Every structure is written in C-alpha cells, then in structure tokens.
C-alpha cells in the first residue's frame, strides 16, 4: 500500500462540543468538499515518501491530514485502513479549539478552491 491510515475502533467520550465539531467537520470537509472515504483522516498515517509531494503541501497545521489523504486519493494511490485504539491523553492538552478550527477551515477552503 502507498498509505496506511489508522481507523479508530474506540473513542474516549467526547464533550458535546467535540462530538458536534467532529461530525460536522468530517461530513462537510472530508466527504463533501474532498470526497474522501477514509474514516479517520486525523489518526495515525504511514506513507511512502517517494509518493509524497512535500514541496507542494500548503497546510501548516491541522489541515495537513486531509491534504495528505486527499493527495493520495486523487493520485490513485492505494490506501489501507488499519484498526487502532486511541487512548486517553496522559499529559498536556489538546491544541484543537475554536480559533484553530476556523484556521483549519480557511486552509482547507484555500486548498480546495485553488
């Protein structure tokens, strides 16, 4: 395979906001805007560097996940999903917040529209 993407089989409980944000983001950006069929674009990814357009990647933050999977999908590369289990964070805090979400939406719209 050219890319293997982790597919989570179990989530820790989301807060209400996290659950809504995840569902909306996945539907609008992953399915509608990019047509990506991979379940978890934000999970672990392993991919062939010789197939990766490092120079042409434009996303600087969270949008990189969708940009990479989108590139491999559009290039006709083989993508395999592999089941993984995500564990609850032991240290630190999530960097995902409302401002970062808006920035990611802006990045993805720029990528899709150019």
Protein backbone atom coordinates (compact mmCIF):
# COMPACT_ATOMS: atom_id res chain seq x y z
CA UNK A 1 0.00 0.00 0.00
CA UNK A 2 1.07 3.58 -0.62
CA UNK A 3 -0.60 4.84 2.57
CA UNK A 4 -1.92 3.16 5.70
CA UNK A 5 -4.32 5.19 7.83
CA UNK A 6 -5.32 4.28 11.37
CA UNK A 7 -9.03 3.67 11.80
CA UNK A 8 -10.12 4.04 15.38
CA UNK A 9 -12.42 1.41 16.80
CA UNK A 10 -12.92 3.07 20.17
CA UNK A 11 -13.06 6.66 21.33
CA UNK A 12 -12.88 8.12 24.78
CA UNK A 13 -16.07 10.07 25.43
CA UNK A 14 -16.24 13.38 23.61
CA UNK A 15 -17.59 16.51 25.18
CA UNK A 16 -20.74 17.69 23.41
CA UNK A 17 -18.79 20.39 21.51
CA UNK A 18 -16.08 17.93 20.45
CA UNK A 19 -18.65 15.45 19.15
CA UNK A 20 -20.58 18.05 17.14
CA UNK A 21 -17.37 19.59 15.77
CA UNK A 22 -16.07 16.18 14.72
CA UNK A 23 -19.29 15.13 12.96
CA UNK A 24 -19.69 18.43 11.10
CA UNK A 25 -16.02 18.60 10.13
CA UNK A 26 -15.95 15.01 8.89
CA UNK A 27 -19.12 15.37 6.86
CA UNK A 28 -18.51 18.78 5.30
CA UNK A 29 -14.81 18.72 4.68
CA UNK A 30 -13.87 15.11 4.36
CA UNK A 31 -16.90 13.82 2.44
CA UNK A 32 -18.50 16.81 0.69
CA UNK A 33 -15.56 19.08 -0.12
CA UNK A 34 -12.86 16.47 -0.77
CA UNK A 35 -14.81 13.22 -1.34
CA UNK A 36 -12.52 11.28 0.99
CA UNK A 37 -13.84 7.89 2.09
CA UNK A 38 -11.25 7.16 4.80
CA UNK A 39 -12.97 7.12 8.20
CA UNK A 40 -10.34 8.87 10.34
CA UNK A 41 -8.11 11.26 8.43
CA UNK A 42 -6.72 12.67 11.68
CA UNK A 43 -5.47 9.35 13.00
CA UNK A 44 -2.03 7.81 12.56
CA UNK A 45 -0.73 7.70 8.98
CA UNK A 46 2.20 5.86 7.41
CA UNK A 47 3.01 6.57 3.79
CA UNK A 48 5.63 6.18 1.09
CA UNK A 49 7.83 9.25 0.95
CA UNK A 50 8.61 8.69 -2.72
CA UNK A 51 4.92 9.28 -3.49
CA UNK A 52 4.54 12.35 -1.27
CA UNK A 53 4.66 15.85 -2.79
CA UNK A 54 6.41 17.50 0.17
CA UNK A 55 7.18 20.65 -1.83
CA UNK A 56 3.58 21.21 -2.84
CA UNK A 57 1.91 20.73 0.56
CA UNK A 58 0.31 24.00 1.65
CA UNK A 59 -1.26 23.28 5.00
CA UNK A 60 0.74 24.34 8.03
CA UNK A 61 -1.38 22.90 10.84
CA UNK A 62 -4.35 20.59 11.25
CA UNK A 63 -5.34 20.68 7.57
CA UNK A 64 -2.26 18.63 6.66
CA UNK A 65 -4.12 15.40 7.47
CA UNK A 66 -6.85 15.96 4.90
CA UNK A 67 -4.38 17.41 2.41
CA UNK A 68 -2.20 14.28 2.54
CA UNK A 69 -5.07 11.81 2.29
CA UNK A 70 -6.63 13.92 -0.48
CA UNK A 71 -3.38 13.89 -2.44
CA UNK A 72 -3.00 10.10 -2.20
CA UNK A 73 -6.68 9.61 -3.10
CA UNK A 74 -6.54 11.88 -6.17
CA UNK A 75 -3.25 10.36 -7.31
CA UNK A 76 -4.91 6.93 -7.42
CA UNK A 77 -2.59 5.55 -4.75
CA UNK A 78 -3.57 2.53 -2.71
CA UNK A 79 -4.82 3.38 0.79
CA UNK A 80 -5.46 0.81 3.52
CA UNK A 81 -7.22 1.46 6.81
CA UNK A 82 -5.87 -0.40 9.83
CA UNK A 83 -7.78 -0.58 13.12
CA UNK A 84 -6.08 1.15 16.07
CA UNK A 85 -7.23 2.08 19.56
CA UNK A 86 -6.81 5.66 20.71
CA UNK A 87 -6.03 6.04 24.39
CA UNK A 88 -6.90 8.99 26.56
CA UNK A 89 -4.24 11.69 26.66
CA UNK A 90 -1.94 11.21 29.66
CA UNK A 91 -0.27 14.65 29.65
CA UNK A 92 -0.84 18.02 28.08
CA UNK A 93 -3.95 19.41 26.49
CA UNK A 94 -5.48 19.29 23.06
CA UNK A 95 -4.50 22.16 20.79
CA UNK A 96 -7.84 21.98 18.99
CA UNK A 97 -10.02 24.98 19.85
CA UNK A 98 -12.47 27.27 18.10
CA UNK A 99 -9.77 29.54 16.61
CA UNK A 100 -7.72 26.59 15.32
CA UNK A 101 -10.89 25.07 13.86
CA UNK A 102 -11.60 28.29 11.94
CA UNK A 103 -7.99 28.42 10.73
CA UNK A 104 -8.23 24.81 9.52
CA UNK A 105 -11.47 25.55 7.66
CA UNK A 106 -9.78 28.52 5.97
CA UNK A 107 -6.76 26.38 5.00
CA UNK A 108 -8.93 23.61 3.57
CA UNK A 109 -11.08 26.02 1.57
CA UNK A 110 -7.91 27.58 0.09
CA UNK A 111 -6.59 24.13 -0.83
CA UNK A 112 -9.86 23.02 -2.41
CA UNK A 113 -10.51 26.22 -4.33
CA UNK A 114 -7.03 26.58 -5.84
